[in-house]
N, C-alpha and C. Protein backbone atom coordinates (compact mmCIF):
# COMPACT_ATOMS: atom_id res chain seq x y z
N UNK A 1 -1.07 -10.24 4.09
CA UNK A 1 -1.08 -10.37 2.61
C UNK A 1 0.08 -9.58 2.06
N UNK A 2 0.80 -10.14 1.08
CA UNK A 2 1.92 -9.41 0.50
C UNK A 2 1.68 -9.37 -1.00
N UNK A 3 0.49 -8.99 -1.42
CA UNK A 3 0.20 -8.85 -2.82
C UNK A 3 0.14 -7.43 -3.28
N UNK A 4 0.88 -6.56 -2.60
CA UNK A 4 0.95 -5.15 -3.02
C UNK A 4 -0.41 -4.46 -2.83
N UNK A 5 -0.71 -3.57 -3.80
CA UNK A 5 -1.95 -2.79 -3.73
C UNK A 5 -3.14 -3.75 -3.62
N UNK A 6 -3.17 -4.76 -4.45
CA UNK A 6 -4.34 -5.63 -4.47
C UNK A 6 -4.50 -6.36 -3.15
N UNK A 7 -3.39 -6.70 -2.51
CA UNK A 7 -3.49 -7.32 -1.19
C UNK A 7 -4.11 -6.40 -0.17
N UNK A 8 -3.74 -5.13 -0.21
CA UNK A 8 -4.29 -4.14 0.72
C UNK A 8 -5.79 -4.00 0.51
N UNK A 9 -6.16 -3.88 -0.80
CA UNK A 9 -7.58 -3.73 -1.09
C UNK A 9 -8.37 -4.96 -0.67
N UNK A 10 -7.77 -6.15 -0.88
CA UNK A 10 -8.47 -7.36 -0.47
C UNK A 10 -8.63 -7.44 1.01
N UNK A 11 -7.57 -7.07 1.77
CA UNK A 11 -7.64 -7.09 3.22
C UNK A 11 -8.75 -6.13 3.70
N UNK A 12 -8.85 -4.98 3.08
CA UNK A 12 -9.85 -4.00 3.51
C UNK A 12 -11.27 -4.48 3.19
N UNK A 13 -11.40 -5.33 2.19
CA UNK A 13 -12.70 -5.78 1.72
C UNK A 13 -13.19 -7.01 2.52
N UNK A 14 -12.31 -7.62 3.27
CA UNK A 14 -12.73 -8.79 4.01
C UNK A 14 -13.78 -8.45 5.07
N UNK A 15 -14.68 -9.38 5.39
CA UNK A 15 -15.64 -9.12 6.47
C UNK A 15 -14.90 -8.91 7.79
N UNK A 16 -15.35 -7.93 8.58
CA UNK A 16 -14.72 -7.69 9.84
C UNK A 16 -13.61 -6.64 9.78
N UNK A 17 -13.18 -6.31 8.62
CA UNK A 17 -12.16 -5.26 8.50
C UNK A 17 -12.84 -3.91 8.27
N UNK A 18 -12.71 -2.96 9.18
CA UNK A 18 -13.40 -1.67 9.00
C UNK A 18 -12.90 -0.89 7.79
N UNK A 19 -13.76 -0.02 7.30
CA UNK A 19 -13.39 0.80 6.15
C UNK A 19 -12.22 1.74 6.47
N UNK A 20 -12.01 1.96 7.76
CA UNK A 20 -10.92 2.86 8.14
C UNK A 20 -9.59 2.24 7.73
N UNK A 21 -9.50 0.94 7.65
CA UNK A 21 -8.26 0.30 7.24
C UNK A 21 -7.85 0.74 5.83
N UNK A 22 -8.83 0.86 4.93
CA UNK A 22 -8.51 1.29 3.56
C UNK A 22 -8.01 2.74 3.58
N UNK A 23 -8.70 3.60 4.39
CA UNK A 23 -8.29 5.00 4.43
C UNK A 23 -6.87 5.15 5.00
N UNK A 24 -6.52 4.28 5.98
CA UNK A 24 -5.16 4.38 6.53
C UNK A 24 -4.12 4.03 5.45
N UNK A 25 -4.44 3.00 4.65
CA UNK A 25 -3.52 2.66 3.56
C UNK A 25 -3.35 3.82 2.58
N UNK A 26 -4.43 4.47 2.25
CA UNK A 26 -4.33 5.59 1.31
C UNK A 26 -3.57 6.77 1.93
N UNK A 27 -3.73 6.97 3.20
CA UNK A 27 -3.02 8.07 3.87
C UNK A 27 -1.51 7.77 3.83
N UNK A 28 -1.13 6.52 3.91
CA UNK A 28 0.30 6.18 3.82
C UNK A 28 0.83 6.51 2.43
N UNK A 29 0.01 6.21 1.43
CA UNK A 29 0.41 6.52 0.02
C UNK A 29 0.60 8.02 -0.13
N UNK A 30 -0.31 8.82 0.45
CA UNK A 30 -0.30 10.24 0.25
C UNK A 30 0.71 10.95 1.12
N UNK A 31 1.35 10.19 2.05
CA UNK A 31 2.35 10.81 2.93
C UNK A 31 3.50 11.35 2.09
N UNK A 32 3.89 12.59 2.27
CA UNK A 32 4.94 13.21 1.45
C UNK A 32 6.24 12.42 1.46
N UNK A 33 6.57 11.78 2.56
CA UNK A 33 7.82 11.04 2.64
C UNK A 33 7.72 9.64 2.15
N UNK A 34 6.49 9.15 1.88
CA UNK A 34 6.34 7.73 1.51
C UNK A 34 6.94 7.44 0.18
N UNK A 35 6.93 8.38 -0.75
CA UNK A 35 7.47 8.13 -2.10
C UNK A 35 8.95 7.79 -2.06
N UNK A 36 9.66 8.27 -1.04
CA UNK A 36 11.06 8.06 -0.99
C UNK A 36 11.43 6.61 -0.56
N UNK A 37 10.41 5.83 -0.18
CA UNK A 37 10.68 4.44 0.13
C UNK A 37 10.83 3.61 -1.12
N UNK A 38 10.43 4.17 -2.27
CA UNK A 38 10.53 3.44 -3.52
C UNK A 38 11.99 3.44 -4.02
N UNK A 39 12.44 2.36 -4.69
CA UNK A 39 13.76 2.35 -5.22
C UNK A 39 13.95 3.43 -6.27
N UNK A 40 15.10 4.07 -6.37
CA UNK A 40 15.29 5.16 -7.36
C UNK A 40 15.11 4.60 -8.77
N UNK A 41 14.48 5.36 -9.61
CA UNK A 41 14.32 4.98 -11.00
C UNK A 41 13.18 3.98 -11.25
N UNK A 42 12.57 3.49 -10.17
CA UNK A 42 11.45 2.55 -10.35
C UNK A 42 10.16 3.25 -9.98
N UNK A 43 9.19 3.19 -10.90
CA UNK A 43 7.90 3.89 -10.64
C UNK A 43 6.87 2.86 -10.15
N UNK A 44 6.09 2.30 -11.07
CA UNK A 44 5.02 1.41 -10.63
C UNK A 44 5.61 0.14 -9.98
N UNK A 45 6.72 -0.36 -10.55
CA UNK A 45 7.33 -1.59 -10.05
C UNK A 45 7.84 -1.38 -8.62
N UNK A 46 8.57 -0.33 -8.40
CA UNK A 46 9.10 -0.02 -7.09
C UNK A 46 7.97 0.22 -6.08
N UNK A 47 6.92 0.83 -6.56
CA UNK A 47 5.77 1.11 -5.67
C UNK A 47 5.18 -0.22 -5.20
N UNK A 48 5.04 -1.15 -6.09
CA UNK A 48 4.47 -2.42 -5.71
C UNK A 48 5.39 -3.17 -4.78
N UNK A 49 6.73 -3.09 -5.01
CA UNK A 49 7.68 -3.77 -4.16
C UNK A 49 7.64 -3.22 -2.74
N UNK A 50 7.49 -1.91 -2.63
CA UNK A 50 7.49 -1.28 -1.28
C UNK A 50 6.25 -1.78 -0.54
N UNK A 51 5.13 -1.95 -1.22
CA UNK A 51 3.93 -2.47 -0.57
C UNK A 51 4.12 -3.94 -0.22
N UNK A 52 4.75 -4.71 -1.12
CA UNK A 52 4.88 -6.12 -0.86
C UNK A 52 5.74 -6.42 0.34
N UNK A 53 6.62 -5.49 0.74
CA UNK A 53 7.48 -5.72 1.85
C UNK A 53 6.81 -5.48 3.18
N UNK A 54 5.58 -4.97 3.19
CA UNK A 54 4.89 -4.66 4.44
C UNK A 54 4.61 -5.95 5.21
C-alpha cells in the first residue's frame, strides 16, 4: 500500500497482520534519523511523501 500513514494503519488493521507491524511503523517514525528523509522545508506533505515511497 502506498497511501502514506493511512496505508500503514490499514495494513496493520488487516486480518492476519500482527499488532507488532504497527509498532514497527511507529518505531521508524520515532527514529532520530528518520526525519532527515523528509524533503527540506516540507513538513506534513514531505512526511506523507516519504511514507508513500515505501
